[in-house]
């Protein structure tokens, strides 16, 4: 069971690693895995955080020690690996 944690400010791994198939403001077709979300600013902060326009996939993501580890690098590698493992055969 994953232990919930607070997101690290400036990490942005969850806005880069996963694909998002639903529309995002500024990205009507969603985004591909590994593509930086247009709503992620230069400080790796989500410009939609706390706003109604934020996609469901983003709202449902819960940071956890298991997936995010203790560094931004770990989080990006971990979430990238999860994205790749979830691809259909």
C-alpha atoms as a PDB file:
ATOM      1  CA  UNK A   1       0.000   0.000   0.000  1.00  0.00           C
ATOM      2  CA  UNK A   2       1.364   3.405  -1.013  1.00  0.00           C
ATOM      3  CA  UNK A   3       1.847   5.947   1.755  1.00  0.00           C
ATOM      4  CA  UNK A   4       0.498   9.365   0.761  1.00  0.00           C
ATOM      5  CA  UNK A   5       2.811  12.365   0.924  1.00  0.00           C
ATOM      6  CA  UNK A   6       2.821  16.054   0.018  1.00  0.00           C
ATOM      7  CA  UNK A   7       4.095  16.872  -3.460  1.00  0.00           C
ATOM      8  CA  UNK A   8       7.557  18.423  -3.573  1.00  0.00           C
ATOM      9  CA  UNK A   9       7.338  21.984  -4.852  1.00  0.00           C
ATOM     10  CA  UNK A  10       8.986  22.209  -8.264  1.00  0.00           C
ATOM     11  CA  UNK A  11       9.067  18.456  -8.991  1.00  0.00           C
ATOM     12  CA  UNK A  12       6.716  18.321 -12.004  1.00  0.00           C
ATOM     13  CA  UNK A  13       7.283  14.598 -12.683  1.00  0.00           C
ATOM     14  CA  UNK A  14       3.537  13.909 -12.763  1.00  0.00           C
ATOM     15  CA  UNK A  15       3.174  16.676 -15.383  1.00  0.00           C
ATOM     16  CA  UNK A  16       5.837  15.156 -17.643  1.00  0.00           C
ATOM     17  CA  UNK A  17       5.994  11.343 -17.351  1.00  0.00           C
ATOM     18  CA  UNK A  18       2.399  10.181 -17.889  1.00  0.00           C
ATOM     19  CA  UNK A  19       0.282  10.493 -20.974  1.00  0.00           C
ATOM     20  CA  UNK A  20      -3.017  12.325 -20.495  1.00  0.00           C
ATOM     21  CA  UNK A  21      -5.738  11.485 -23.010  1.00  0.00           C
ATOM     22  CA  UNK A  22      -8.237  14.140 -21.937  1.00  0.00           C
ATOM     23  CA  UNK A  23      -8.116  17.766 -23.003  1.00  0.00           C
ATOM     24  CA  UNK A  24      -5.912  20.155 -21.058  1.00  0.00           C
ATOM     25  CA  UNK A  25      -6.283  23.935 -21.514  1.00  0.00           C
ATOM     26  CA  UNK A  26      -3.811  24.723 -24.287  1.00  0.00           C
ATOM     27  CA  UNK A  27      -3.514  21.017 -25.215  1.00  0.00           C
ATOM     28  CA  UNK A  28      -6.934  19.995 -26.578  1.00  0.00           C
ATOM     29  CA  UNK A  29      -5.721  16.513 -27.546  1.00  0.00           C
ATOM     30  CA  UNK A  30      -4.080  15.868 -24.172  1.00  0.00           C
ATOM     31  CA  UNK A  31      -0.375  15.021 -24.055  1.00  0.00           C
ATOM     32  CA  UNK A  32       1.965  12.154 -24.814  1.00  0.00           C
ATOM     33  CA  UNK A  33       4.054  10.382 -22.192  1.00  0.00           C
ATOM     34  CA  UNK A  34       7.296  12.273 -21.628  1.00  0.00           C
ATOM     35  CA  UNK A  35       5.883  15.485 -23.091  1.00  0.00           C
ATOM     36  CA  UNK A  36       5.942  18.452 -20.752  1.00  0.00           C
ATOM     37  CA  UNK A  37       2.443  19.766 -20.015  1.00  0.00           C
ATOM     38  CA  UNK A  38       1.949  23.278 -21.369  1.00  0.00           C
ATOM     39  CA  UNK A  39       0.527  24.256 -17.966  1.00  0.00           C
ATOM     40  CA  UNK A  40       3.828  23.422 -16.209  1.00  0.00           C
ATOM     41  CA  UNK A  41       5.758  26.659 -15.744  1.00  0.00           C
ATOM     42  CA  UNK A  42       9.536  27.171 -15.745  1.00  0.00           C
ATOM     43  CA  UNK A  43       9.631  26.474 -11.988  1.00  0.00           C
ATOM     44  CA  UNK A  44       7.802  23.146 -12.568  1.00  0.00           C
ATOM     45  CA  UNK A  45       4.624  24.421 -10.937  1.00  0.00           C
ATOM     46  CA  UNK A  46       1.196  23.558 -12.375  1.00  0.00           C
ATOM     47  CA  UNK A  47      -0.654  26.677 -13.443  1.00  0.00           C
ATOM     48  CA  UNK A  48      -3.979  24.812 -13.106  1.00  0.00           C
ATOM     49  CA  UNK A  49      -3.439  23.520  -9.572  1.00  0.00           C
ATOM     50  CA  UNK A  50      -6.586  24.064  -7.542  1.00  0.00           C
ATOM     51  CA  UNK A  51      -8.582  25.159 -10.600  1.00  0.00           C
ATOM     52  CA  UNK A  52     -11.669  23.557 -12.054  1.00  0.00           C
ATOM     53  CA  UNK A  53     -10.045  23.168 -15.512  1.00  0.00           C
ATOM     54  CA  UNK A  54      -7.473  20.710 -14.159  1.00  0.00           C
ATOM     55  CA  UNK A  55      -7.913  17.290 -15.859  1.00  0.00           C
ATOM     56  CA  UNK A  56      -9.362  14.389 -13.847  1.00  0.00           C
ATOM     57  CA  UNK A  57      -6.133  12.416 -14.293  1.00  0.00           C
ATOM     58  CA  UNK A  58      -4.274  15.198 -12.479  1.00  0.00           C
ATOM     59  CA  UNK A  59      -6.906  15.554  -9.769  1.00  0.00           C
ATOM     60  CA  UNK A  60      -6.779  11.810  -9.042  1.00  0.00           C
ATOM     61  CA  UNK A  61      -2.992  11.530  -8.822  1.00  0.00           C
ATOM     62  CA  UNK A  62      -1.801  11.148  -5.229  1.00  0.00           C
ATOM     63  CA  UNK A  63       1.882  11.604  -4.491  1.00  0.00           C
ATOM     64  CA  UNK A  64       3.335   8.697  -2.549  1.00  0.00           C
ATOM     65  CA  UNK A  65       6.746   7.697  -1.228  1.00  0.00           C
ATOM     66  CA  UNK A  66       6.526   4.528  -3.335  1.00  0.00           C
ATOM     67  CA  UNK A  67       6.174   6.390  -6.637  1.00  0.00           C
ATOM     68  CA  UNK A  68       7.791   9.737  -5.868  1.00  0.00           C
ATOM     69  CA  UNK A  69      10.646   8.711  -3.581  1.00  0.00           C
ATOM     70  CA  UNK A  70      12.752  11.414  -2.005  1.00  0.00           C
ATOM     71  CA  UNK A  71      14.002  13.213  -5.136  1.00  0.00           C
ATOM     72  CA  UNK A  72      12.513  14.743  -8.266  1.00  0.00           C
ATOM     73  CA  UNK A  73      14.786  12.526 -10.391  1.00  0.00           C
ATOM     74  CA  UNK A  74      13.453   9.389  -8.684  1.00  0.00           C
ATOM     75  CA  UNK A  75       9.862  10.543  -9.232  1.00  0.00           C
ATOM     76  CA  UNK A  76      10.424  11.156 -12.939  1.00  0.00           C
ATOM     77  CA  UNK A  77      12.128   7.773 -13.437  1.00  0.00           C
ATOM     78  CA  UNK A  78       9.510   5.932 -11.383  1.00  0.00           C
ATOM     79  CA  UNK A  79       6.509   7.524 -13.091  1.00  0.00           C
ATOM     80  CA  UNK A  80       8.110   7.020 -16.521  1.00  0.00           C
ATOM     81  CA  UNK A  81       8.608   3.318 -15.738  1.00  0.00           C
ATOM     82  CA  UNK A  82       4.977   3.005 -14.578  1.00  0.00           C
ATOM     83  CA  UNK A  83       3.776   4.670 -17.767  1.00  0.00           C
ATOM     84  CA  UNK A  84       5.810   2.252 -19.894  1.00  0.00           C
ATOM     85  CA  UNK A  85       4.612  -0.775 -17.913  1.00  0.00           C
ATOM     86  CA  UNK A  86       0.987   0.279 -18.392  1.00  0.00           C
ATOM     87  CA  UNK A  87       1.216   0.340 -22.189  1.00  0.00           C
ATOM     88  CA  UNK A  88      -0.833  -2.337 -23.961  1.00  0.00           C
ATOM     89  CA  UNK A  89       1.155  -5.195 -25.456  1.00  0.00           C
END
